[in-house]
């Protein structure tokens, strides 16, 4: 994962992303990646999955 912090309290999943960070251009080059789970991942200690991408236009 890049720039993604997940915490679970009971049944509440909290996701933190630092919007000031950048990780370069996307594969298409049209956007700049800010955060990503880099595909679908299983939430720790759960059966649910998450896929997250945060990006902005260049």
PDB file of N, CA and C in Angstrom:
ATOM      1  N   UNK A   1       0.839  -1.181   0.000  1.00  0.00           N
ATOM      2  CA  UNK A   1       0.000   0.000   0.000  1.00  0.00           C
ATOM      3  C   UNK A   1       0.883   1.243   0.000  1.00  0.00           C
ATOM      4  N   UNK A   2       0.385   2.269  -0.616  1.00  0.00           N
ATOM      5  CA  UNK A   2       1.084   3.545  -0.662  1.00  0.00           C
ATOM      6  C   UNK A   2       0.227   4.596   0.019  1.00  0.00           C
ATOM      7  N   UNK A   3       0.724   5.155   1.137  1.00  0.00           N
ATOM      8  CA  UNK A   3       0.089   6.289   1.785  1.00  0.00           C
ATOM      9  C   UNK A   3      -1.338   5.982   2.258  1.00  0.00           C
ATOM     10  N   UNK A   4      -1.593   4.760   2.697  1.00  0.00           N
ATOM     11  CA  UNK A   4      -2.905   4.370   3.211  1.00  0.00           C
ATOM     12  C   UNK A   4      -2.711   3.754   4.585  1.00  0.00           C
ATOM     13  N   UNK A   5      -3.423   4.283   5.572  1.00  0.00           N
ATOM     14  CA  UNK A   5      -3.385   3.742   6.928  1.00  0.00           C
ATOM     15  C   UNK A   5      -4.807   3.372   7.319  1.00  0.00           C
ATOM     16  N   UNK A   6      -5.031   2.098   7.621  1.00  0.00           N
ATOM     17  CA  UNK A   6      -6.364   1.628   8.001  1.00  0.00           C
ATOM     18  C   UNK A   6      -6.361   1.197   9.458  1.00  0.00           C
ATOM     19  N   UNK A   7      -7.410   1.567  10.176  1.00  0.00           N
ATOM     20  CA  UNK A   7      -7.600   1.095  11.539  1.00  0.00           C
ATOM     21  C   UNK A   7      -9.043   0.639  11.688  1.00  0.00           C
ATOM     22  N   UNK A   8      -9.236  -0.340  12.567  1.00  0.00           N
ATOM     23  CA  UNK A   8     -10.573  -0.862  12.838  1.00  0.00           C
ATOM     24  C   UNK A   8     -10.850  -0.732  14.322  1.00  0.00           C
ATOM     25  N   UNK A   9     -11.995  -0.140  14.641  1.00  0.00           N
ATOM     26  CA  UNK A   9     -12.467  -0.079  16.021  1.00  0.00           C
ATOM     27  C   UNK A   9     -13.876  -0.640  16.018  1.00  0.00           C
ATOM     28  N   UNK A  10     -14.014  -1.843  16.560  1.00  0.00           N
ATOM     29  CA  UNK A  10     -15.315  -2.524  16.502  1.00  0.00           C
ATOM     30  C   UNK A  10     -15.633  -2.870  15.060  1.00  0.00           C
ATOM     31  N   UNK A  11     -16.709  -2.288  14.545  1.00  0.00           N
ATOM     32  CA  UNK A  11     -17.093  -2.527  13.150  1.00  0.00           C
ATOM     33  C   UNK A  11     -16.864  -1.301  12.279  1.00  0.00           C
ATOM     34  N   UNK A  12     -16.088  -0.344  12.773  1.00  0.00           N
ATOM     35  CA  UNK A  12     -15.817   0.885  12.026  1.00  0.00           C
ATOM     36  C   UNK A  12     -14.403   0.846  11.445  1.00  0.00           C
ATOM     37  N   UNK A  13     -14.315   0.947  10.124  1.00  0.00           N
ATOM     38  CA  UNK A  13     -13.037   1.022   9.416  1.00  0.00           C
ATOM     39  C   UNK A  13     -12.734   2.491   9.149  1.00  0.00           C
ATOM     40  N   UNK A  14     -11.556   2.941   9.575  1.00  0.00           N
ATOM     41  CA  UNK A  14     -11.115   4.309   9.328  1.00  0.00           C
ATOM     42  C   UNK A  14      -9.904   4.263   8.412  1.00  0.00           C
ATOM     43  N   UNK A  15      -9.951   5.067   7.360  1.00  0.00           N
ATOM     44  CA  UNK A  15      -8.873   5.122   6.383  1.00  0.00           C
ATOM     45  C   UNK A  15      -8.261   6.516   6.428  1.00  0.00           C
ATOM     46  N   UNK A  16      -6.938   6.574   6.562  1.00  0.00           N
ATOM     47  CA  UNK A  16      -6.234   7.855   6.577  1.00  0.00           C
ATOM     48  C   UNK A  16      -5.303   7.924   5.375  1.00  0.00           C
ATOM     49  N   UNK A  17      -5.359   9.063   4.665  1.00  0.00           N
ATOM     50  CA  UNK A  17      -4.513   9.325   3.509  1.00  0.00           C
ATOM     51  C   UNK A  17      -3.960  10.738   3.661  1.00  0.00           C
ATOM     52  N   UNK A  18      -2.650  10.889   3.504  1.00  0.00           N
ATOM     53  CA  UNK A  18      -2.026  12.210   3.533  1.00  0.00           C
ATOM     54  C   UNK A  18      -2.122  12.801   2.128  1.00  0.00           C
ATOM     55  N   UNK A  19      -2.999  13.787   1.956  1.00  0.00           N
ATOM     56  CA  UNK A  19      -3.244  14.356   0.632  1.00  0.00           C
ATOM     57  C   UNK A  19      -2.106  15.232   0.129  1.00  0.00           C
ATOM     58  N   UNK A  20      -1.096  15.482   0.965  1.00  0.00           N
ATOM     59  CA  UNK A  20       0.044  16.288   0.525  1.00  0.00           C
ATOM     60  C   UNK A  20       1.098  15.454  -0.198  1.00  0.00           C
ATOM     61  N   UNK A  21       0.995  14.139  -0.137  1.00  0.00           N
ATOM     62  CA  UNK A  21       1.986  13.265  -0.777  1.00  0.00           C
ATOM     63  C   UNK A  21       1.600  12.948  -2.213  1.00  0.00           C
ATOM     64  N   UNK A  22       2.606  12.706  -3.033  1.00  0.00           N
ATOM     65  CA  UNK A  22       2.399  12.285  -4.421  1.00  0.00           C
ATOM     66  C   UNK A  22       3.379  11.164  -4.741  1.00  0.00           C
ATOM     67  N   UNK A  23       2.944  10.216  -5.584  1.00  0.00           N
ATOM     68  CA  UNK A  23       3.775   9.071  -5.942  1.00  0.00           C
ATOM     69  C   UNK A  23       3.995   8.964  -7.441  1.00  0.00           C
ATOM     70  N   UNK A  24       3.906  10.098  -8.124  1.00  0.00           N
ATOM     71  CA  UNK A  24       4.196  10.112  -9.551  1.00  0.00           C
ATOM     72  C   UNK A  24       2.969   9.872 -10.405  1.00  0.00           C
ATOM     73  N   UNK A  25       3.185   9.798 -11.712  1.00  0.00           N
ATOM     74  CA  UNK A  25       2.067   9.661 -12.638  1.00  0.00           C
ATOM     75  C   UNK A  25       1.474   8.255 -12.637  1.00  0.00           C
ATOM     76  N   UNK A  26       0.196   8.204 -13.004  1.00  0.00           N
ATOM     77  CA  UNK A  26      -0.467   6.910 -13.184  1.00  0.00           C
ATOM     78  C   UNK A  26       0.077   6.240 -14.445  1.00  0.00           C
ATOM     79  N   UNK A  27      -0.353   5.021 -14.692  1.00  0.00           N
ATOM     80  CA  UNK A  27       0.115   4.296 -15.880  1.00  0.00           C
ATOM     81  C   UNK A  27      -0.258   5.030 -17.167  1.00  0.00           C
ATOM     82  N   UNK A  28      -1.421   5.673 -17.191  1.00  0.00           N
ATOM     83  CA  UNK A  28      -1.850   6.404 -18.391  1.00  0.00           C
ATOM     84  C   UNK A  28      -1.154   7.750 -18.517  1.00  0.00           C
ATOM     85  N   UNK A  29      -0.634   8.259 -17.391  1.00  0.00           N
ATOM     86  CA  UNK A  29       0.018   9.557 -17.403  1.00  0.00           C
ATOM     87  C   UNK A  29      -0.936  10.729 -17.277  1.00  0.00           C
ATOM     88  N   UNK A  30      -2.220  10.449 -17.156  1.00  0.00           N
ATOM     89  CA  UNK A  30      -3.217  11.522 -17.085  1.00  0.00           C
ATOM     90  C   UNK A  30      -3.434  12.039 -15.669  1.00  0.00           C
ATOM     91  N   UNK A  31      -3.050  11.264 -14.675  1.00  0.00           N
ATOM     92  CA  UNK A  31      -3.275  11.649 -13.287  1.00  0.00           C
ATOM     93  C   UNK A  31      -2.015  11.425 -12.459  1.00  0.00           C
ATOM     94  N   UNK A  32      -2.000  12.018 -11.263  1.00  0.00           N
ATOM     95  CA  UNK A  32      -0.915  11.838 -10.310  1.00  0.00           C
ATOM     96  C   UNK A  32      -1.447  11.022  -9.143  1.00  0.00           C
ATOM     97  N   UNK A  33      -0.755   9.955  -8.798  1.00  0.00           N
ATOM     98  CA  UNK A  33      -1.187   9.075  -7.718  1.00  0.00           C
ATOM     99  C   UNK A  33      -0.865   9.711  -6.369  1.00  0.00           C
ATOM    100  N   UNK A  34      -1.856   9.722  -5.483  1.00  0.00           N
ATOM    101  CA  UNK A  34      -1.684  10.234  -4.121  1.00  0.00           C
ATOM    102  C   UNK A  34      -1.649   9.079  -3.126  1.00  0.00           C
ATOM    103  N   UNK A  35      -2.505   8.077  -3.330  1.00  0.00           N
ATOM    104  CA  UNK A  35      -2.541   6.910  -2.442  1.00  0.00           C
ATOM    105  C   UNK A  35      -3.175   5.740  -3.177  1.00  0.00           C
ATOM    106  N   UNK A  36      -2.801   4.527  -2.773  1.00  0.00           N
ATOM    107  CA  UNK A  36      -3.377   3.342  -3.400  1.00  0.00           C
ATOM    108  C   UNK A  36      -3.167   2.112  -2.532  1.00  0.00           C
ATOM    109  N   UNK A  37      -4.143   1.227  -2.561  1.00  0.00           N
ATOM    110  CA  UNK A  37      -3.952  -0.083  -1.947  1.00  0.00           C
ATOM    111  C   UNK A  37      -3.271  -1.019  -2.936  1.00  0.00           C
ATOM    112  N   UNK A  38      -3.066  -0.549  -4.153  1.00  0.00           N
ATOM    113  CA  UNK A  38      -2.427  -1.316  -5.225  1.00  0.00           C
ATOM    114  C   UNK A  38      -3.182  -2.610  -5.503  1.00  0.00           C
ATOM    115  N   UNK A  39      -4.472  -2.467  -5.718  1.00  0.00           N
ATOM    116  CA  UNK A  39      -5.343  -3.613  -5.973  1.00  0.00           C
ATOM    117  C   UNK A  39      -6.255  -3.853  -4.778  1.00  0.00           C
ATOM    118  N   UNK A  40      -7.024  -4.910  -4.869  1.00  0.00           N
ATOM    119  CA  UNK A  40      -7.933  -5.262  -3.773  1.00  0.00           C
ATOM    120  C   UNK A  40      -7.177  -6.048  -2.715  1.00  0.00           C
ATOM    121  N   UNK A  41      -7.344  -5.645  -1.455  1.00  0.00           N
ATOM    122  CA  UNK A  41      -6.686  -6.341  -0.353  1.00  0.00           C
ATOM    123  C   UNK A  41      -7.722  -6.678   0.714  1.00  0.00           C
ATOM    124  N   UNK A  42      -7.420  -7.689   1.494  1.00  0.00           N
ATOM    125  CA  UNK A  42      -8.294  -8.065   2.606  1.00  0.00           C
ATOM    126  C   UNK A  42      -8.028  -7.134   3.777  1.00  0.00           C
ATOM    127  N   UNK A  43      -9.088  -6.651   4.387  1.00  0.00           N
ATOM    128  CA  UNK A  43      -8.963  -5.807   5.573  1.00  0.00           C
ATOM    129  C   UNK A  43      -8.420  -6.681   6.703  1.00  0.00           C
ATOM    130  N   UNK A  44      -7.387  -6.201   7.417  1.00  0.00           N
ATOM    131  CA  UNK A  44      -6.777  -7.027   8.471  1.00  0.00           C
ATOM    132  C   UNK A  44      -7.794  -7.577   9.476  1.00  0.00           C
ATOM    133  N   UNK A  45      -7.688  -8.857   9.753  1.00  0.00           N
ATOM    134  CA  UNK A  45      -8.538  -9.558  10.723  1.00  0.00           C
ATOM    135  C   UNK A  45     -10.012  -9.582  10.335  1.00  0.00           C
ATOM    136  N   UNK A  46     -10.319  -9.383   9.043  1.00  0.00           N
ATOM    137  CA  UNK A  46     -11.706  -9.397   8.559  1.00  0.00           C
ATOM    138  C   UNK A  46     -11.760 -10.204   7.273  1.00  0.00           C
ATOM    139  N   UNK A  47     -12.969 -10.471   6.786  1.00  0.00           N
ATOM    140  CA  UNK A  47     -13.109 -11.167   5.506  1.00  0.00           C
ATOM    141  C   UNK A  47     -13.397 -10.196   4.355  1.00  0.00           C
ATOM    142  N   UNK A  48     -13.736  -8.945   4.679  1.00  0.00           N
ATOM    143  CA  UNK A  48     -14.022  -7.955   3.658  1.00  0.00           C
ATOM    144  C   UNK A  48     -12.753  -7.518   2.939  1.00  0.00           C
ATOM    145  N   UNK A  49     -12.953  -7.041   1.720  1.00  0.00           N
ATOM    146  CA  UNK A  49     -11.835  -6.553   0.919  1.00  0.00           C
ATOM    147  C   UNK A  49     -12.063  -5.084   0.596  1.00  0.00           C
ATOM    148  N   UNK A  50     -10.956  -4.390   0.281  1.00  0.00           N
ATOM    149  CA  UNK A  50     -11.026  -2.987  -0.097  1.00  0.00           C
ATOM    150  C   UNK A  50     -10.064  -2.729  -1.246  1.00  0.00           C
ATOM    151  N   UNK A  51     -10.471  -1.865  -2.145  1.00  0.00           N
ATOM    152  CA  UNK A  51      -9.614  -1.386  -3.224  1.00  0.00           C
ATOM    153  C   UNK A  51      -9.730   0.127  -3.248  1.00  0.00           C
ATOM    154  N   UNK A  52      -8.625   0.825  -3.065  1.00  0.00           N
ATOM    155  CA  UNK A  52      -8.664   2.281  -2.946  1.00  0.00           C
ATOM    156  C   UNK A  52      -7.619   2.920  -3.846  1.00  0.00           C
ATOM    157  N   UNK A  53      -8.035   3.946  -4.594  1.00  0.00           N
ATOM    158  CA  UNK A  53      -7.129   4.776  -5.368  1.00  0.00           C
ATOM    159  C   UNK A  53      -7.508   6.230  -5.126  1.00  0.00           C
ATOM    160  N   UNK A  54      -6.521   7.037  -4.765  1.00  0.00           N
ATOM    161  CA  UNK A  54      -6.725   8.480  -4.627  1.00  0.00           C
ATOM    162  C   UNK A  54      -5.770   9.132  -5.600  1.00  0.00           C
ATOM    163  N   UNK A  55      -6.299  10.006  -6.464  1.00  0.00           N
ATOM    164  CA  UNK A  55      -5.479  10.627  -7.498  1.00  0.00           C
ATOM    165  C   UNK A  55      -6.043  11.993  -7.850  1.00  0.00           C
ATOM    166  N   UNK A  56      -5.243  12.769  -8.582  1.00  0.00           N
ATOM    167  CA  UNK A  56      -5.704  14.061  -9.071  1.00  0.00           C
ATOM    168  C   UNK A  56      -5.235  14.248 -10.509  1.00  0.00           C
ATOM    169  N   UNK A  57      -5.965  15.100 -11.233  1.00  0.00           N
ATOM    170  CA  UNK A  57      -5.565  15.397 -12.612  1.00  0.00           C
ATOM    171  C   UNK A  57      -4.255  16.142 -12.611  1.00  0.00           C
ATOM    172  N   UNK A  58      -3.478  15.915 -13.637  1.00  0.00           N
ATOM    173  CA  UNK A  58      -2.182  16.615 -13.765  1.00  0.00           C
ATOM    174  C   UNK A  58      -2.383  18.070 -14.038  1.00  0.00           C
TER     175      UNK A  58
END
